[in-house]
Amino acid sequence: MKNKNLYLGILATASMTIMASCSGEGEVIDDNVIVDTDTVEENNTHLEVEYAVPTPNELFEIVKLQGGEQEVGLVNPLENRENYVETKEKALAFGVYSADLAYMSCFGIGTEFLKYMKVIEEMGDELGISGAFDEDLMERIENNEGDSDSLFAISNETYYDSYLYLEENGKGVELSLIMGAGYIESLYIICNLVDGYSDDNPVIEKIGDQKLVLENLLDFISTYGDDESVQELTNDLISLQEVFEVTMDFEESGTNVDNNEGKIVLSGGGNFAMNEQALTDITAKVTELRNNIIN
């Protein structure tokens, strides 16, 4: 992946880019960049950067811990499944349903979990990624149907296994579409979990953090930008990125450089903060993009 490793983790505020010169000097583009000093090449001309994009499961768990509450009717209805015929449509829908599955498992909506998992498995088979699904997966789900923690773990495992399978089998286009749609669906759900604006709402703050997650995602899928379907999704995500940048408040800050267990952490340079108009505009835009995918 052009010397870039994408790690699925919970570092939702990780930055997208760092530029390193031969002298070792760097330019901080956004809040947090983690550089693994063990991967610096001998000629000191390259630093390997960890790009962190959270899985939908981890993102919903964070929101739940910060006070988010379950809302019914936010997931994509299974009846829409028959509308997805082309490979692009299936990959996007796979990403949406994966995010829905994560939401249901995290917030204890267990009654529909098995139905959604079966649809995801069917679509995975149609996309050529059936190898990502354990043969005993459905049995495990049925045996843990009333255990939200177990279903959450299974959902997270399935998402990660699908990601690895796609990456290892040269299906970067499908992976890009799945991750992009999963991001859109996750953000759509989170925005609609907010009941009114307040400056101290931690869920709203988490929505603001998704600006940097989006930058990470765009950098990753740009690797497959020559594909028309990926380019179309990229343009949609850029239009969302513009809403973040135009409506959020930029607050400047100093730059700090720390060494944490062999990793250089560059932080500061300023950050974007949410406001009421930003929440309204981001919610409207992500709803538009989400509806274009599922309808």
Protein backbone atom coordinates (compact mmCIF):
# COMPACT_ATOMS: atom_id res chain seq x y z
CA MET A 1 0.00 0.00 0.00
CA LYS A 2 2.74 2.40 -1.00
CA ASN A 3 4.56 2.13 2.35
CA LYS A 4 1.43 2.97 4.33
CA ASN A 5 -0.07 0.67 6.92
CA LEU A 6 -3.73 1.19 7.80
CA TYR A 7 -4.47 -0.05 11.30
CA LEU A 8 -8.07 -0.50 12.38
CA GLY A 9 -8.02 0.92 15.88
CA ILE A 10 -9.72 3.41 18.16
CA LEU A 11 -7.41 6.34 17.45
CA ALA A 12 -10.18 8.43 15.99
CA THR A 13 -8.11 11.60 16.17
CA ALA A 14 -5.08 10.26 14.34
CA SER A 15 -3.86 12.52 11.58
CA MET A 16 -3.71 11.77 7.89
CA THR A 17 -0.31 12.98 6.76
CA ILE A 18 3.23 13.73 7.82
CA MET A 19 5.99 14.97 5.55
CA ALA A 20 9.51 13.97 6.56
CA SER A 21 12.66 15.36 4.99
CA CYS A 22 16.13 13.81 4.86
CA SER A 23 17.13 15.91 7.85
CA GLY A 24 14.36 14.32 9.92
CA GLU A 25 12.31 17.50 10.16
CA GLY A 26 8.56 17.09 9.81
CA GLU A 27 5.48 19.15 9.14
CA VAL A 28 2.43 18.60 11.32
CA ILE A 29 -0.72 18.71 9.24
CA ASP A 30 -3.27 17.87 11.95
CA ASP A 31 -3.54 17.00 15.61
CA ASN A 32 -1.91 13.60 16.12
CA VAL A 33 0.56 11.62 14.04
CA ILE A 34 2.28 8.51 15.36
CA VAL A 35 5.58 7.60 13.77
CA ASP A 36 7.19 4.23 14.53
CA THR A 37 10.88 5.00 14.90
CA ASP A 38 11.74 1.31 14.45
CA THR A 39 10.67 1.52 10.81
CA VAL A 40 12.93 4.40 9.87
CA GLU A 41 15.05 3.27 6.97
CA GLU A 42 18.82 3.32 7.24
CA ASN A 43 19.15 6.35 4.97
CA ASN A 44 16.63 8.19 7.15
CA THR A 45 14.61 9.32 4.15
CA HIS A 46 11.37 7.56 5.04
CA LEU A 47 9.20 7.30 8.12
CA GLU A 48 6.40 4.75 8.20
CA VAL A 49 3.14 6.20 9.50
CA GLU A 50 0.30 4.32 11.18
CA TYR A 51 -3.04 5.45 9.76
CA ALA A 52 -5.75 4.65 12.28
CA VAL A 53 -9.39 4.37 11.27
CA PRO A 54 -11.79 2.94 13.85
CA THR A 55 -14.07 0.05 13.01
CA PRO A 56 -17.78 0.86 13.35
CA ASN A 57 -17.85 -1.36 16.45
CA GLU A 58 -15.19 0.62 18.26
CA LEU A 59 -16.75 3.93 17.29
CA PHE A 60 -20.21 2.97 18.55
CA GLU A 61 -18.70 1.63 21.77
CA ILE A 62 -17.01 4.96 22.38
CA VAL A 63 -20.28 6.81 21.76
CA LYS A 64 -22.19 4.45 24.05
CA LEU A 65 -19.68 4.96 26.85
CA GLN A 66 -20.00 8.71 26.41
CA GLY A 67 -23.74 8.72 26.91
CA GLY A 68 -25.25 7.83 23.55
CA GLU A 69 -28.55 5.97 23.71
CA GLN A 70 -30.21 3.50 21.36
CA GLU A 71 -32.60 4.80 18.72
CA VAL A 72 -34.69 2.40 16.65
CA GLY A 73 -35.21 2.81 12.92
CA LEU A 74 -31.72 4.08 12.06
CA VAL A 75 -30.43 0.98 10.26
CA ASN A 76 -30.87 0.21 6.58
CA PRO A 77 -33.94 -2.06 6.17
CA LEU A 78 -33.21 -5.57 4.95
CA GLU A 79 -35.94 -5.09 2.35
CA ASN A 80 -33.50 -2.88 0.43
CA ARG A 81 -31.21 -5.86 -0.10
CA GLU A 82 -32.85 -6.72 -3.44
CA ASN A 83 -31.98 -3.26 -4.80
CA TYR A 84 -28.25 -3.96 -4.83
CA VAL A 85 -27.34 -5.71 -8.08
CA GLU A 86 -24.04 -4.30 -9.35
CA THR A 87 -20.74 -5.04 -7.61
CA LYS A 88 -20.37 -1.42 -6.52
CA GLU A 89 -23.87 -1.40 -5.01
CA LYS A 90 -23.20 -4.66 -3.18
CA ALA A 91 -19.87 -3.46 -1.77
CA LEU A 92 -21.38 -0.21 -0.55
CA ALA A 93 -24.35 -2.05 0.95
CA PHE A 94 -21.99 -4.53 2.62
CA GLY A 95 -20.30 -1.58 4.33
CA VAL A 96 -23.63 -0.09 5.40
CA TYR A 97 -24.98 -3.37 6.78
CA SER A 98 -21.68 -4.03 8.58
CA ALA A 99 -22.01 -0.68 10.37
CA ASP A 100 -25.65 -1.48 11.15
CA LEU A 101 -24.60 -4.80 12.61
CA ALA A 102 -22.05 -3.08 14.82
CA TYR A 103 -24.66 -0.59 16.01
CA MET A 104 -27.18 -3.31 16.86
CA SER A 105 -24.63 -5.38 18.75
CA CYS A 106 -23.28 -2.43 20.71
CA PHE A 107 -26.67 -1.04 21.70
CA GLY A 108 -28.28 -4.37 22.47
CA ILE A 109 -30.62 -4.67 19.49
CA GLY A 110 -30.19 -8.42 19.29
CA THR A 111 -33.41 -9.62 17.72
CA GLU A 112 -32.42 -8.64 14.16
CA PHE A 113 -28.72 -9.42 14.51
CA LEU A 114 -28.85 -12.90 12.96
CA LYS A 115 -30.94 -11.71 10.00
CA TYR A 116 -28.45 -8.93 9.21
CA MET A 117 -25.50 -11.28 9.61
CA LYS A 118 -27.03 -13.73 7.15
CA VAL A 119 -27.46 -10.95 4.60
CA ILE A 120 -23.87 -9.84 5.10
CA GLU A 121 -22.67 -13.41 4.62
CA GLU A 122 -24.71 -13.76 1.42
CA MET A 123 -23.39 -10.48 0.04
CA GLY A 124 -19.87 -11.46 1.04
CA ASP A 125 -20.23 -14.63 -1.01
CA GLU A 126 -21.42 -12.58 -4.00
CA LEU A 127 -18.45 -10.26 -3.61
CA GLY A 128 -16.05 -13.18 -3.52
CA ILE A 129 -15.06 -12.85 0.12
CA SER A 130 -16.79 -15.89 1.56
CA GLY A 131 -13.41 -17.00 2.88
CA ALA A 132 -13.64 -14.23 5.47
CA PHE A 133 -16.52 -15.97 7.23
CA ASP A 134 -15.97 -18.76 9.70
CA GLU A 135 -17.91 -21.95 8.93
CA ASP A 136 -19.32 -21.99 12.44
CA LEU A 137 -20.22 -18.30 12.45
CA MET A 138 -24.01 -18.67 12.39
CA GLU A 139 -23.93 -21.34 15.07
CA ARG A 140 -21.87 -19.05 17.30
CA ILE A 141 -24.39 -16.25 16.79
CA GLU A 142 -27.35 -18.49 17.57
CA ASN A 143 -25.65 -19.75 20.73
CA ASN A 144 -25.00 -16.18 21.89
CA GLU A 145 -28.20 -14.53 20.67
CA GLY A 146 -29.01 -13.00 24.05
CA ASP A 147 -25.46 -11.96 24.91
CA SER A 148 -24.83 -8.48 23.55
CA ASP A 149 -21.14 -8.54 24.53
CA SER A 150 -20.55 -11.76 22.58
CA LEU A 151 -22.47 -10.48 19.57
CA PHE A 152 -20.43 -7.28 19.69
CA ALA A 153 -17.22 -9.32 19.67
CA ILE A 154 -18.45 -11.47 16.78
CA SER A 155 -19.46 -8.40 14.78
CA ASN A 156 -16.08 -6.77 15.30
CA GLU A 157 -14.26 -9.98 14.41
CA THR A 158 -16.30 -10.39 11.22
CA TYR A 159 -15.56 -6.82 10.12
CA TYR A 160 -11.84 -7.17 10.77
CA ASP A 161 -11.63 -10.60 9.10
CA SER A 162 -13.41 -9.21 6.03
CA TYR A 163 -10.97 -6.29 5.92
CA LEU A 164 -7.93 -8.58 6.11
CA TYR A 165 -9.31 -10.99 3.51
CA LEU A 166 -10.00 -8.19 1.05
CA GLU A 167 -6.58 -6.65 1.57
CA GLU A 168 -4.71 -9.95 1.27
CA ASN A 169 -6.61 -11.04 -1.84
CA GLY A 170 -6.16 -7.92 -3.91
CA LYS A 171 -9.69 -6.60 -3.55
CA GLY A 172 -8.73 -3.04 -2.70
CA VAL A 173 -11.56 -1.50 -4.70
CA GLU A 174 -14.19 -3.48 -2.82
CA LEU A 175 -12.42 -2.72 0.46
CA SER A 176 -12.43 1.01 -0.29
CA LEU A 177 -16.15 0.98 -1.06
CA ILE A 178 -16.96 -1.05 2.05
CA MET A 179 -14.93 1.18 4.35
CA GLY A 180 -16.30 4.38 2.82
CA ALA A 181 -19.92 3.26 3.10
CA GLY A 182 -19.33 1.94 6.61
CA TYR A 183 -17.94 5.34 7.62
CA ILE A 184 -20.95 7.15 6.13
CA GLU A 185 -23.45 4.84 7.82
CA SER A 186 -21.66 5.08 11.18
CA LEU A 187 -21.56 8.87 11.05
CA TYR A 188 -25.21 8.99 9.96
CA ILE A 189 -26.27 6.88 12.94
CA ILE A 190 -24.17 8.83 15.42
CA CYS A 191 -25.48 12.18 14.19
CA ASN A 192 -29.02 10.91 14.61
CA LEU A 193 -28.33 9.72 18.15
CA VAL A 194 -27.94 13.36 19.20
CA ASP A 195 -31.06 14.98 20.59
CA GLY A 196 -30.33 18.69 20.34
CA TYR A 197 -27.04 20.60 20.52
CA SER A 198 -25.02 21.40 23.61
CA ASP A 199 -21.38 22.47 23.90
CA ASP A 200 -20.53 19.80 26.49
CA ASN A 201 -22.12 16.80 24.74
CA PRO A 202 -19.32 14.21 24.36
CA VAL A 203 -21.12 12.52 21.47
CA ILE A 204 -21.11 15.79 19.51
CA GLU A 205 -17.41 16.13 20.24
CA LYS A 206 -16.91 12.62 18.85
CA ILE A 207 -18.74 13.66 15.68
CA GLY A 208 -16.22 16.47 15.30
CA ASP A 209 -13.38 13.95 15.66
CA GLN A 210 -14.66 12.20 12.55
CA LYS A 211 -13.18 14.98 10.42
CA LEU A 212 -9.72 13.56 10.97
CA VAL A 213 -10.95 10.00 10.57
CA LEU A 214 -12.33 11.07 7.20
CA GLU A 215 -8.95 12.47 6.18
CA ASN A 216 -7.35 9.13 7.05
CA LEU A 217 -9.97 7.27 5.04
CA LEU A 218 -9.59 9.50 2.00
CA ASP A 219 -5.84 9.02 2.06
CA PHE A 220 -6.27 5.26 2.16
CA ILE A 221 -8.83 4.89 -0.62
CA SER A 222 -6.91 7.30 -2.85
CA THR A 223 -4.64 4.31 -3.51
CA TYR A 224 -7.47 2.92 -5.65
CA GLY A 225 -8.59 6.24 -7.10
CA ASP A 226 -8.14 5.07 -10.68
CA ASP A 227 -11.28 2.98 -10.34
CA GLU A 228 -14.39 4.90 -11.40
CA SER A 229 -16.57 3.65 -8.55
CA VAL A 230 -13.92 4.56 -5.97
CA GLN A 231 -13.52 7.98 -7.56
CA GLU A 232 -17.26 8.60 -7.27
CA LEU A 233 -17.19 7.66 -3.60
CA THR A 234 -14.10 9.81 -3.08
CA ASN A 235 -15.89 12.83 -4.53
CA ASP A 236 -18.81 12.24 -2.16
CA LEU A 237 -16.48 11.99 0.83
CA ILE A 238 -14.63 15.14 -0.23
CA SER A 239 -17.94 17.00 -0.35
CA LEU A 240 -18.53 15.86 3.25
CA GLN A 241 -15.01 16.88 4.21
CA GLU A 242 -15.71 20.38 2.88
CA VAL A 243 -18.74 20.66 5.16
CA PHE A 244 -16.57 19.77 8.17
CA GLU A 245 -13.98 22.38 7.23
CA VAL A 246 -16.38 25.18 6.37
CA THR A 247 -18.67 24.88 9.37
CA MET A 248 -16.40 23.83 12.25
CA ASP A 249 -14.42 26.36 14.30
CA PHE A 250 -10.63 26.19 13.93
CA GLU A 251 -8.69 26.77 17.14
CA GLU A 252 -4.93 27.24 16.82
CA SER A 253 -2.52 25.66 19.30
CA GLY A 254 1.19 25.03 19.66
CA THR A 255 3.04 21.96 18.45
CA ASN A 256 4.37 19.29 20.83
CA VAL A 257 6.79 16.44 20.10
CA ASP A 258 6.84 13.46 22.48
CA ASN A 259 8.62 10.10 22.40
CA ASN A 260 6.34 7.38 23.70
CA GLU A 261 7.97 3.94 23.89
CA GLY A 262 9.92 4.40 20.69
CA LYS A 263 7.17 6.22 18.82
CA ILE A 264 7.38 9.91 18.07
CA VAL A 265 4.02 11.56 18.66
CA LEU A 266 3.53 14.94 17.01
CA SER A 267 0.53 16.84 18.36
CA GLY A 268 -0.94 20.28 18.20
CA GLY A 269 -0.97 22.80 15.40
CA GLY A 270 -4.63 23.49 15.95
CA ASN A 271 -7.89 21.59 16.01
CA PHE A 272 -11.43 21.91 14.76
CA ALA A 273 -14.28 22.30 17.25
CA MET A 274 -17.97 21.61 16.76
CA ASN A 275 -20.74 24.18 16.89
CA GLU A 276 -24.49 23.99 16.39
CA GLN A 277 -24.42 24.91 12.70
CA ALA A 278 -21.70 22.35 12.05
CA LEU A 279 -23.80 19.60 13.61
CA THR A 280 -26.80 20.58 11.49
CA ASP A 281 -24.84 20.77 8.24
CA ILE A 282 -22.81 17.58 8.82
CA THR A 283 -25.97 15.66 9.69
CA ALA A 284 -27.73 16.93 6.56
CA LYS A 285 -24.80 16.09 4.28
CA VAL A 286 -24.12 12.61 5.63
CA THR A 287 -27.87 11.86 5.46
CA GLU A 288 -27.85 12.86 1.80
CA LEU A 289 -24.85 10.63 1.03
CA ARG A 290 -26.30 7.73 3.00
CA ASN A 291 -29.64 7.94 1.21
CA ASN A 292 -27.86 7.93 -2.16
CA ILE A 293 -26.21 4.63 -1.18
CA ILE A 294 -29.15 2.73 0.26
CA ASN A 295 -31.91 3.81 -2.14
